[in-house]
Amino acid sequence: MLPNYRIYGDSGPSVYILHGIFGMLDNWHYAAGILSQHYRVITFDARNHGRSFHHEDAGFDAMCEDLLGLMNHLSDDSPIVVGHSMGGKTAMTFAERYPDRISGLIVVDIAPKAYPAGHGEYFKAFHDIDFACVQSRKEAETLFEPYAPDAGVRQFLLKNLEPRPGGGYQLKINAAALEKYYPELIGDLHLSRGYAGPTLFVRGEKSGYIKDTDMPHILNFFPNAALQTIAGAGHWVHADNPSDFITCISDFIVAHSQS
């Protein structure tokens, strides 16, 4: 099955963008629109997210095969692949597995290492709240507040709600599958060969996801990697400082994409 996808632009080298956990292709609408002035940009919903299919397997191996299937479907042989957070780990795995299928790799605010669990309250909210009985998004936000006190995080998570045909709301995501595979999604990536092609790691200045001390480990698997820091940005680098972020990755794409 193909994931739900959207294409921006109709000319130039291809750029694929992979979102993070609980995200969807719409999160990258602004960046994709700007990049599409010069590139053919493909955003897509990962399995169990957005409008893509649900499947009990939510691991990186499966998500890599989804990306490969989409690339084959769109006849792309050597695109640039951009991955944020969970999507960054998928992109790193794909680059190791299919190095000849891409011309470059951009990893946004994630390293190939294990991270502490930090989404437990969100999974709990998806379990606890009876969304079918929720009458408005305002009510949903109020119910979600104890689980996600930060307003920005709440708005991000609530994008996963959609109206039910019979009233109320339902989740777009397959929360059960994501929770089952959550240890893998936040765990060490277990790379073996790595990827020797051109690679850019991008981090937010205010984010702690990629530390200076992570670089020796990164370079062990991505020997041609560079690291750039986006001023004033947190983990959602592309949303916090889109101008500098787009300039940063555009320079890399210009240098390494294949027409």
C-alpha atoms as a PDB file:
ATOM      1  CA  MET A   1       0.000   0.000   0.000  1.00  0.00           C
ATOM      2  CA  LEU A   2       1.150   3.496  -0.771  1.00  0.00           C
ATOM      3  CA  PRO A   3       1.100   6.168   1.941  1.00  0.00           C
ATOM      4  CA  ASN A   4      -1.000   9.278   1.498  1.00  0.00           C
ATOM      5  CA  TYR A   5       1.223  11.828  -0.230  1.00  0.00           C
ATOM      6  CA  ARG A   6       1.264  15.275  -1.785  1.00  0.00           C
ATOM      7  CA  ILE A   7       3.508  16.673  -4.498  1.00  0.00           C
ATOM      8  CA  TYR A   8       4.548  20.339  -4.549  1.00  0.00           C
ATOM      9  CA  GLY A   9       6.054  21.642  -7.780  1.00  0.00           C
ATOM     10  CA  ASP A  10       6.525  19.837 -11.071  1.00  0.00           C
ATOM     11  CA  SER A  11      10.136  20.400 -12.021  1.00  0.00           C
ATOM     12  CA  GLY A  12      13.632  20.121 -10.649  1.00  0.00           C
ATOM     13  CA  PRO A  13      15.243  17.431  -8.482  1.00  0.00           C
ATOM     14  CA  SER A  14      13.002  15.596  -6.017  1.00  0.00           C
ATOM     15  CA  VAL A  15      13.021  16.134  -2.256  1.00  0.00           C
ATOM     16  CA  TYR A  16      11.147  13.773   0.073  1.00  0.00           C
ATOM     17  CA  ILE A  17      10.158  15.012   3.551  1.00  0.00           C
ATOM     18  CA  LEU A  18       9.409  12.627   6.437  1.00  0.00           C
ATOM     19  CA  HIS A  19       7.581  13.987   9.500  1.00  0.00           C
ATOM     20  CA  GLY A  20       7.907  13.030  13.169  1.00  0.00           C
ATOM     21  CA  ILE A  21       5.745  11.009  15.535  1.00  0.00           C
ATOM     22  CA  PHE A  22       2.127  12.243  15.839  1.00  0.00           C
ATOM     23  CA  GLY A  23       2.806  14.480  12.826  1.00  0.00           C
ATOM     24  CA  MET A  24       1.526  14.488   9.273  1.00  0.00           C
ATOM     25  CA  LEU A  25       2.392  15.886   5.865  1.00  0.00           C
ATOM     26  CA  ASP A  26       0.546  19.151   6.587  1.00  0.00           C
ATOM     27  CA  ASN A  27       3.195  20.039   9.194  1.00  0.00           C
ATOM     28  CA  TRP A  28       5.582  20.672   6.296  1.00  0.00           C
ATOM     29  CA  HIS A  29       3.213  22.628   4.058  1.00  0.00           C
ATOM     30  CA  TYR A  30       4.987  25.985   4.357  1.00  0.00           C
ATOM     31  CA  ALA A  31       8.522  24.647   3.880  1.00  0.00           C
ATOM     32  CA  ALA A  32       7.425  22.418   0.998  1.00  0.00           C
ATOM     33  CA  GLY A  33       5.730  25.342  -0.712  1.00  0.00           C
ATOM     34  CA  ILE A  34       8.861  27.473  -0.582  1.00  0.00           C
ATOM     35  CA  LEU A  35      11.124  24.635  -1.718  1.00  0.00           C
ATOM     36  CA  SER A  36       8.756  23.797  -4.576  1.00  0.00           C
ATOM     37  CA  GLN A  37       9.810  26.991  -6.348  1.00  0.00           C
ATOM     38  CA  HIS A  38      12.929  25.083  -7.399  1.00  0.00           C
ATOM     39  CA  TYR A  39      12.267  21.432  -6.560  1.00  0.00           C
ATOM     40  CA  ARG A  40       9.667  18.693  -6.815  1.00  0.00           C
ATOM     41  CA  VAL A  41       8.815  18.197  -3.155  1.00  0.00           C
ATOM     42  CA  ILE A  42       7.000  15.134  -1.880  1.00  0.00           C
ATOM     43  CA  THR A  43       5.502  15.089   1.608  1.00  0.00           C
ATOM     44  CA  PHE A  44       3.639  12.068   2.912  1.00  0.00           C
ATOM     45  CA  ASP A  45       1.903  10.698   5.985  1.00  0.00           C
ATOM     46  CA  ALA A  46       3.857   7.870   7.598  1.00  0.00           C
ATOM     47  CA  ARG A  47       1.896   4.674   8.113  1.00  0.00           C
ATOM     48  CA  ASN A  48      -0.425   4.973  11.132  1.00  0.00           C
ATOM     49  CA  HIS A  49      -0.415   8.769  10.773  1.00  0.00           C
ATOM     50  CA  GLY A  50      -2.591  11.327   9.001  1.00  0.00           C
ATOM     51  CA  ARG A  51      -4.552   9.830   6.123  1.00  0.00           C
ATOM     52  CA  SER A  52      -2.211   6.930   5.504  1.00  0.00           C
ATOM     53  CA  PHE A  53      -3.135   3.321   6.140  1.00  0.00           C
ATOM     54  CA  HIS A  54      -3.078   1.730   9.592  1.00  0.00           C
ATOM     55  CA  HIS A  55      -0.933  -1.338  10.183  1.00  0.00           C
ATOM     56  CA  GLU A  56       0.121  -3.213  13.294  1.00  0.00           C
ATOM     57  CA  ASP A  57       3.795  -2.901  12.239  1.00  0.00           C
ATOM     58  CA  ALA A  58       4.977   0.618  13.055  1.00  0.00           C
ATOM     59  CA  GLY A  59       8.707  -0.064  12.979  1.00  0.00           C
ATOM     60  CA  PHE A  60      11.474   1.590  11.012  1.00  0.00           C
ATOM     61  CA  ASP A  61      11.969  -1.350   8.642  1.00  0.00           C
ATOM     62  CA  ALA A  62       8.359  -1.106   7.511  1.00  0.00           C
ATOM     63  CA  MET A  63       8.487   2.680   7.171  1.00  0.00           C
ATOM     64  CA  CYS A  64      11.624   2.365   5.026  1.00  0.00           C
ATOM     65  CA  GLU A  65       9.817   0.027   2.669  1.00  0.00           C
ATOM     66  CA  ASP A  66       6.927   2.501   2.454  1.00  0.00           C
ATOM     67  CA  LEU A  67       9.367   5.206   1.369  1.00  0.00           C
ATOM     68  CA  LEU A  68      10.951   2.889  -1.191  1.00  0.00           C
ATOM     69  CA  GLY A  69       7.538   1.959  -2.573  1.00  0.00           C
ATOM     70  CA  LEU A  70       6.566   5.604  -2.925  1.00  0.00           C
ATOM     71  CA  MET A  71       9.851   6.458  -4.650  1.00  0.00           C
ATOM     72  CA  ASN A  72       9.338   3.579  -7.085  1.00  0.00           C
ATOM     73  CA  HIS A  73       5.739   4.657  -7.700  1.00  0.00           C
ATOM     74  CA  LEU A  74       6.883   8.191  -8.530  1.00  0.00           C
ATOM     75  CA  SER A  75       9.890   6.980 -10.546  1.00  0.00           C
ATOM     76  CA  ASP A  76      12.456   8.749  -8.373  1.00  0.00           C
ATOM     77  CA  ASP A  77      15.944   7.252  -8.428  1.00  0.00           C
ATOM     78  CA  SER A  78      18.099   9.729  -6.518  1.00  0.00           C
ATOM     79  CA  PRO A  79      16.160  12.279  -4.452  1.00  0.00           C
ATOM     80  CA  ILE A  80      17.294  14.145  -1.392  1.00  0.00           C
ATOM     81  CA  VAL A  81      15.594  12.713   1.704  1.00  0.00           C
ATOM     82  CA  VAL A  82      14.762  15.000   4.643  1.00  0.00           C
ATOM     83  CA  GLY A  83      13.582  13.479   7.919  1.00  0.00           C
ATOM     84  CA  HIS A  84      12.537  15.166  11.166  1.00  0.00           C
ATOM     85  CA  SER A  85      12.645  13.355  14.524  1.00  0.00           C
ATOM     86  CA  MET A  86      11.034   9.923  13.981  1.00  0.00           C
ATOM     87  CA  GLY A  87      11.208  10.656  10.255  1.00  0.00           C
ATOM     88  CA  GLY A  88      14.906  11.400  10.668  1.00  0.00           C
ATOM     89  CA  LYS A  89      15.496   7.953  12.124  1.00  0.00           C
ATOM     90  CA  THR A  90      13.531   6.440   9.248  1.00  0.00           C
ATOM     91  CA  ALA A  91      15.630   8.455   6.793  1.00  0.00           C
ATOM     92  CA  MET A  92      18.908   7.333   8.399  1.00  0.00           C
ATOM     93  CA  THR A  93      17.792   3.706   8.263  1.00  0.00           C
ATOM     94  CA  PHE A  94      16.770   4.106   4.626  1.00  0.00           C
ATOM     95  CA  ALA A  95      20.095   5.734   3.714  1.00  0.00           C
ATOM     96  CA  GLU A  96      22.014   2.784   5.150  1.00  0.00           C
ATOM     97  CA  ARG A  97      19.769   0.218   3.494  1.00  0.00           C
ATOM     98  CA  TYR A  98      19.433   1.890   0.081  1.00  0.00           C
ATOM     99  CA  PRO A  99      22.424   4.231  -0.301  1.00  0.00           C
ATOM    100  CA  ASP A 100      22.267   4.106  -4.098  1.00  0.00           C
ATOM    101  CA  ARG A 101      18.667   5.343  -4.134  1.00  0.00           C
ATOM    102  CA  ILE A 102      19.358   8.802  -2.705  1.00  0.00           C
ATOM    103  CA  SER A 103      21.734  11.644  -3.537  1.00  0.00           C
ATOM    104  CA  GLY A 104      21.839  13.122  -0.056  1.00  0.00           C
ATOM    105  CA  LEU A 105      20.409  12.954   3.447  1.00  0.00           C
ATOM    106  CA  ILE A 106      19.162  15.722   5.748  1.00  0.00           C
ATOM    107  CA  VAL A 107      18.398  14.732   9.354  1.00  0.00           C
ATOM    108  CA  VAL A 108      16.494  17.295  11.397  1.00  0.00           C
ATOM    109  CA  ASP A 109      16.944  17.429  15.176  1.00  0.00           C
ATOM    110  CA  ILE A 110      17.501  13.764  15.936  1.00  0.00           C
ATOM    111  CA  ALA A 111      20.570  11.565  16.416  1.00  0.00           C
ATOM    112  CA  PRO A 112      20.954   7.806  15.841  1.00  0.00           C
ATOM    113  CA  LYS A 113      20.735   7.104  19.568  1.00  0.00           C
ATOM    114  CA  ALA A 114      18.242   6.206  22.265  1.00  0.00           C
ATOM    115  CA  TYR A 115      16.145   8.924  23.911  1.00  0.00           C
ATOM    116  CA  PRO A 116      14.242   8.899  27.196  1.00  0.00           C
ATOM    117  CA  ALA A 117      10.511   8.284  26.923  1.00  0.00           C
ATOM    118  CA  GLY A 118       8.663  11.571  26.734  1.00  0.00           C
ATOM    119  CA  HIS A 119       5.289  10.873  25.141  1.00  0.00           C
ATOM    120  CA  GLY A 120       3.633   8.745  27.811  1.00  0.00           C
ATOM    121  CA  GLU A 121       1.081  11.368  28.823  1.00  0.00           C
ATOM    122  CA  TYR A 122       0.014  11.819  25.209  1.00  0.00           C
ATOM    123  CA  PHE A 123      -0.596   8.106  24.765  1.00  0.00           C
ATOM    124  CA  LYS A 124      -2.516   8.179  28.045  1.00  0.00           C
ATOM    125  CA  ALA A 125      -4.709  10.991  26.729  1.00  0.00           C
ATOM    126  CA  PHE A 126      -5.453   9.035  23.567  1.00  0.00           C
ATOM    127  CA  HIS A 127      -6.527   6.142  25.810  1.00  0.00           C
ATOM    128  CA  ASP A 128      -8.433   8.096  28.443  1.00  0.00           C
ATOM    129  CA  ILE A 129     -10.440  10.630  26.447  1.00  0.00           C
ATOM    130  CA  ASP A 130     -13.609   9.394  24.783  1.00  0.00           C
ATOM    131  CA  PHE A 131     -13.322  11.478  21.642  1.00  0.00           C
ATOM    132  CA  ALA A 132     -16.580  10.106  20.245  1.00  0.00           C
ATOM    133  CA  CYS A 133     -18.397  12.101  22.931  1.00  0.00           C
ATOM    134  CA  VAL A 134     -16.463  15.315  22.365  1.00  0.00           C
ATOM    135  CA  GLN A 135     -18.635  17.995  20.789  1.00  0.00           C
ATOM    136  CA  SER A 136     -16.048  20.576  19.730  1.00  0.00           C
ATOM    137  CA  ARG A 137     -12.331  21.084  19.282  1.00  0.00           C
ATOM    138  CA  LYS A 138     -12.425  23.561  22.147  1.00  0.00           C
ATOM    139  CA  GLU A 139     -13.775  20.825  24.397  1.00  0.00           C
ATOM    140  CA  ALA A 140     -11.093  18.462  23.132  1.00  0.00           C
ATOM    141  CA  GLU A 141      -8.407  21.016  23.937  1.00  0.00           C
ATOM    142  CA  THR A 142      -9.758  21.452  27.451  1.00  0.00           C
ATOM    143  CA  LEU A 143      -9.807  17.697  28.034  1.00  0.00           C
ATOM    144  CA  PHE A 144      -6.282  17.381  26.654  1.00  0.00           C
ATOM    145  CA  GLU A 145      -4.791  20.187  28.769  1.00  0.00           C
ATOM    146  CA  PRO A 146      -3.901  18.044  31.835  1.00  0.00           C
ATOM    147  CA  TYR A 147      -1.920  15.704  29.589  1.00  0.00           C
ATOM    148  CA  ALA A 148      -0.232  18.418  27.513  1.00  0.00           C
ATOM    149  CA  PRO A 149      -0.027  21.726  29.426  1.00  0.00           C
ATOM    150  CA  ASP A 150       1.927  23.459  26.648  1.00  0.00           C
ATOM    151  CA  ALA A 151      -0.539  25.107  24.265  1.00  0.00           C
ATOM    152  CA  GLY A 152       1.636  24.611  21.202  1.00  0.00           C
ATOM    153  CA  VAL A 153       2.046  20.899  21.876  1.00  0.00           C
ATOM    154  CA  ARG A 154      -1.718  20.580  22.411  1.00  0.00           C
ATOM    155  CA  GLN A 155      -2.486  22.196  19.086  1.00  0.00           C
ATOM    156  CA  PHE A 156       0.016  19.901  17.367  1.00  0.00           C
ATOM    157  CA  LEU A 157      -1.489  16.781  18.934  1.00  0.00           C
ATOM    158  CA  LEU A 158      -5.085  17.837  18.314  1.00  0.00           C
ATOM    159  CA  LYS A 159      -4.418  17.923  14.572  1.00  0.00           C
ATOM    160  CA  ASN A 160      -4.774  14.163  14.899  1.00  0.00           C
ATOM    161  CA  LEU A 161      -8.530  14.519  15.500  1.00  0.00           C
ATOM    162  CA  GLU A 162     -11.131  14.360  12.752  1.00  0.00           C
ATOM    163  CA  PRO A 163     -14.956  14.458  12.893  1.00  0.00           C
ATOM    164  CA  ARG A 164     -16.775  11.137  13.072  1.00  0.00           C
ATOM    165  CA  PRO A 165     -19.610  10.546  10.584  1.00  0.00           C
ATOM    166  CA  GLY A 166     -22.039   9.999  13.463  1.00  0.00           C
ATOM    167  CA  GLY A 167     -20.883  12.964  15.521  1.00  0.00           C
ATOM    168  CA  GLY A 168     -18.008  13.531  17.868  1.00  0.00           C
ATOM    169  CA  TYR A 169     -14.407  12.934  16.878  1.00  0.00           C
ATOM    170  CA  GLN A 170     -11.977  10.112  16.215  1.00  0.00           C
ATOM    171  CA  LEU A 171      -8.222   9.744  15.962  1.00  0.00           C
ATOM    172  CA  LYS A 172      -6.444   9.714  12.628  1.00  0.00           C
ATOM    173  CA  ILE A 173      -3.417   7.982  14.120  1.00  0.00           C
ATOM    174  CA  ASN A 174      -3.169   4.342  15.090  1.00  0.00           C
ATOM    175  CA  ALA A 175      -2.188   5.072  18.681  1.00  0.00           C
ATOM    176  CA  ALA A 176      -2.101   1.393  19.684  1.00  0.00           C
ATOM    177  CA  ALA A 177       0.488   0.470  17.045  1.00  0.00           C
ATOM    178  CA  LEU A 178       2.610   3.527  17.794  1.00  0.00           C
ATOM    179  CA  GLU A 179       2.576   2.790  21.504  1.00  0.00           C
ATOM    180  CA  LYS A 180       3.538  -0.853  20.883  1.00  0.00           C
ATOM    181  CA  TYR A 181       6.529   0.219  18.767  1.00  0.00           C
ATOM    182  CA  TYR A 182       7.384   3.264  20.857  1.00  0.00           C
ATOM    183  CA  PRO A 183      10.443   1.593  22.474  1.00  0.00           C
ATOM    184  CA  GLU A 184      11.873   1.058  18.986  1.00  0.00           C
ATOM    185  CA  LEU A 185      10.993   4.572  17.840  1.00  0.00           C
ATOM    186  CA  ILE A 186      12.893   6.203  20.712  1.00  0.00           C
ATOM    187  CA  GLY A 187      15.596   3.534  20.944  1.00  0.00           C
ATOM    188  CA  ASP A 188      19.102   3.249  19.572  1.00  0.00           C
ATOM    189  CA  LEU A 189      19.033   2.951  15.786  1.00  0.00           C
ATOM    190  CA  HIS A 190      21.374  -0.082  15.629  1.00  0.00           C
ATOM    191  CA  LEU A 191      23.063   0.943  12.406  1.00  0.00           C
ATOM    192  CA  SER A 192      25.778  -1.287  10.988  1.00  0.00           C
ATOM    193  CA  ARG A 193      27.311   0.198   7.823  1.00  0.00           C
ATOM    194  CA  GLY A 194      25.861   3.678   8.000  1.00  0.00           C
ATOM    195  CA  TYR A 195      25.783   5.965   4.963  1.00  0.00           C
ATOM    196  CA  ALA A 196      28.872   7.507   3.370  1.00  0.00           C
ATOM    197  CA  GLY A 197      27.026   9.948   1.129  1.00  0.00           C
ATOM    198  CA  PRO A 198      26.564  13.682   1.733  1.00  0.00           C
ATOM    199  CA  THR A 199      24.672  14.221   4.969  1.00  0.00           C
ATOM    200  CA  LEU A 200      23.509  17.270   6.897  1.00  0.00           C
ATOM    201  CA  PHE A 201      22.314  17.206  10.499  1.00  0.00           C
ATOM    202  CA  VAL A 202      20.281  20.266  11.461  1.00  0.00           C
ATOM    203  CA  ARG A 203      19.439  21.089  15.077  1.00  0.00           C
ATOM    204  CA  GLY A 204      17.564  23.815  16.894  1.00  0.00           C
ATOM    205  CA  GLU A 205      19.594  26.125  19.110  1.00  0.00           C
ATOM    206  CA  LYS A 206      17.109  25.644  21.968  1.00  0.00           C
ATOM    207  CA  SER A 207      16.716  21.887  21.457  1.00  0.00           C
ATOM    208  CA  GLY A 208      18.732  19.262  23.282  1.00  0.00           C
ATOM    209  CA  TYR A 209      18.095  16.447  20.821  1.00  0.00           C
ATOM    210  CA  ILE A 210      21.518  16.671  19.157  1.00  0.00           C
ATOM    211  CA  LYS A 211      24.384  17.508  21.509  1.00  0.00           C
ATOM    212  CA  ASP A 212      27.956  18.342  20.582  1.00  0.00           C
ATOM    213  CA  THR A 213      28.972  15.107  22.287  1.00  0.00           C
ATOM    214  CA  ASP A 214      26.804  13.139  19.813  1.00  0.00           C
ATOM    215  CA  MET A 215      28.980  14.077  16.837  1.00  0.00           C
ATOM    216  CA  PRO A 216      31.620  11.326  17.199  1.00  0.00           C
ATOM    217  CA  HIS A 217      28.826   8.727  17.204  1.00  0.00           C
ATOM    218  CA  ILE A 218      27.137  10.404  14.241  1.00  0.00           C
ATOM    219  CA  LEU A 219      30.375  10.592  12.257  1.00  0.00           C
ATOM    220  CA  ASN A 220      31.045   6.925  12.937  1.00  0.00           C
ATOM    221  CA  PHE A 221      28.047   6.062  10.765  1.00  0.00           C
ATOM    222  CA  PHE A 222      27.779   9.208   8.626  1.00  0.00           C
ATOM    223  CA  PRO A 223      31.419  10.136   7.914  1.00  0.00           C
ATOM    224  CA  ASN A 224      30.480  12.915   5.476  1.00  0.00           C
ATOM    225  CA  ALA A 225      28.054  14.591   7.861  1.00  0.00           C
ATOM    226  CA  ALA A 226      28.038  18.268   8.765  1.00  0.00           C
ATOM    227  CA  LEU A 227      26.080  19.849  11.623  1.00  0.00           C
ATOM    228  CA  GLN A 228      24.287  23.189  11.460  1.00  0.00           C
ATOM    229  CA  THR A 229      22.400  24.950  14.254  1.00  0.00           C
ATOM    230  CA  ILE A 230      19.337  27.107  13.587  1.00  0.00           C
ATOM    231  CA  ALA A 231      19.142  30.160  15.840  1.00  0.00           C
ATOM    232  CA  GLY A 232      16.159  30.550  18.126  1.00  0.00           C
ATOM    233  CA  ALA A 233      14.637  27.194  17.188  1.00  0.00           C
ATOM    234  CA  GLY A 234      13.564  24.276  19.348  1.00  0.00           C
ATOM    235  CA  HIS A 235      12.812  20.735  18.266  1.00  0.00           C
ATOM    236  CA  TRP A 236      10.324  21.871  15.607  1.00  0.00           C
ATOM    237  CA  VAL A 237      13.099  23.635  13.742  1.00  0.00           C
ATOM    238  CA  HIS A 238      11.167  24.098  10.488  1.00  0.00           C
ATOM    239  CA  ALA A 239       8.307  25.840  12.320  1.00  0.00           C
ATOM    240  CA  ASP A 240      10.326  27.889  14.831  1.00  0.00           C
ATOM    241  CA  ASN A 241      12.670  29.562  12.331  1.00  0.00           C
ATOM    242  CA  PRO A 242      11.487  28.598   8.850  1.00  0.00           C
ATOM    243  CA  SER A 243      13.511  31.237   7.016  1.00  0.00           C
ATOM    244  CA  ASP A 244      16.918  30.163   8.315  1.00  0.00           C
ATOM    245  CA  PHE A 245      15.961  26.492   8.162  1.00  0.00           C
ATOM    246  CA  ILE A 246      14.902  26.649   4.517  1.00  0.00           C
ATOM    247  CA  THR A 247      18.043  28.590   3.587  1.00  0.00           C
ATOM    248  CA  CYS A 248      20.162  26.002   5.376  1.00  0.00           C
ATOM    249  CA  ILE A 249      18.700  22.948   3.687  1.00  0.00           C
ATOM    250  CA  SER A 250      18.374  24.711   0.312  1.00  0.00           C
ATOM    251  CA  ASP A 251      22.128  25.263   0.227  1.00  0.00           C
ATOM    252  CA  PHE A 252      22.661  21.553   0.822  1.00  0.00           C
ATOM    253  CA  ILE A 253      20.077  20.550  -1.798  1.00  0.00           C
ATOM    254  CA  VAL A 254      21.653  22.831  -4.408  1.00  0.00           C
ATOM    255  CA  ALA A 255      25.037  21.242  -3.763  1.00  0.00           C
ATOM    256  CA  HIS A 256      23.971  17.609  -3.750  1.00  0.00           C
ATOM    257  CA  SER A 257      20.747  17.054  -5.689  1.00  0.00           C
ATOM    258  CA  GLN A 258      20.823  15.327  -9.059  1.00  0.00           C
ATOM    259  CA  SER A 259      18.711  16.646 -11.920  1.00  0.00           C
END
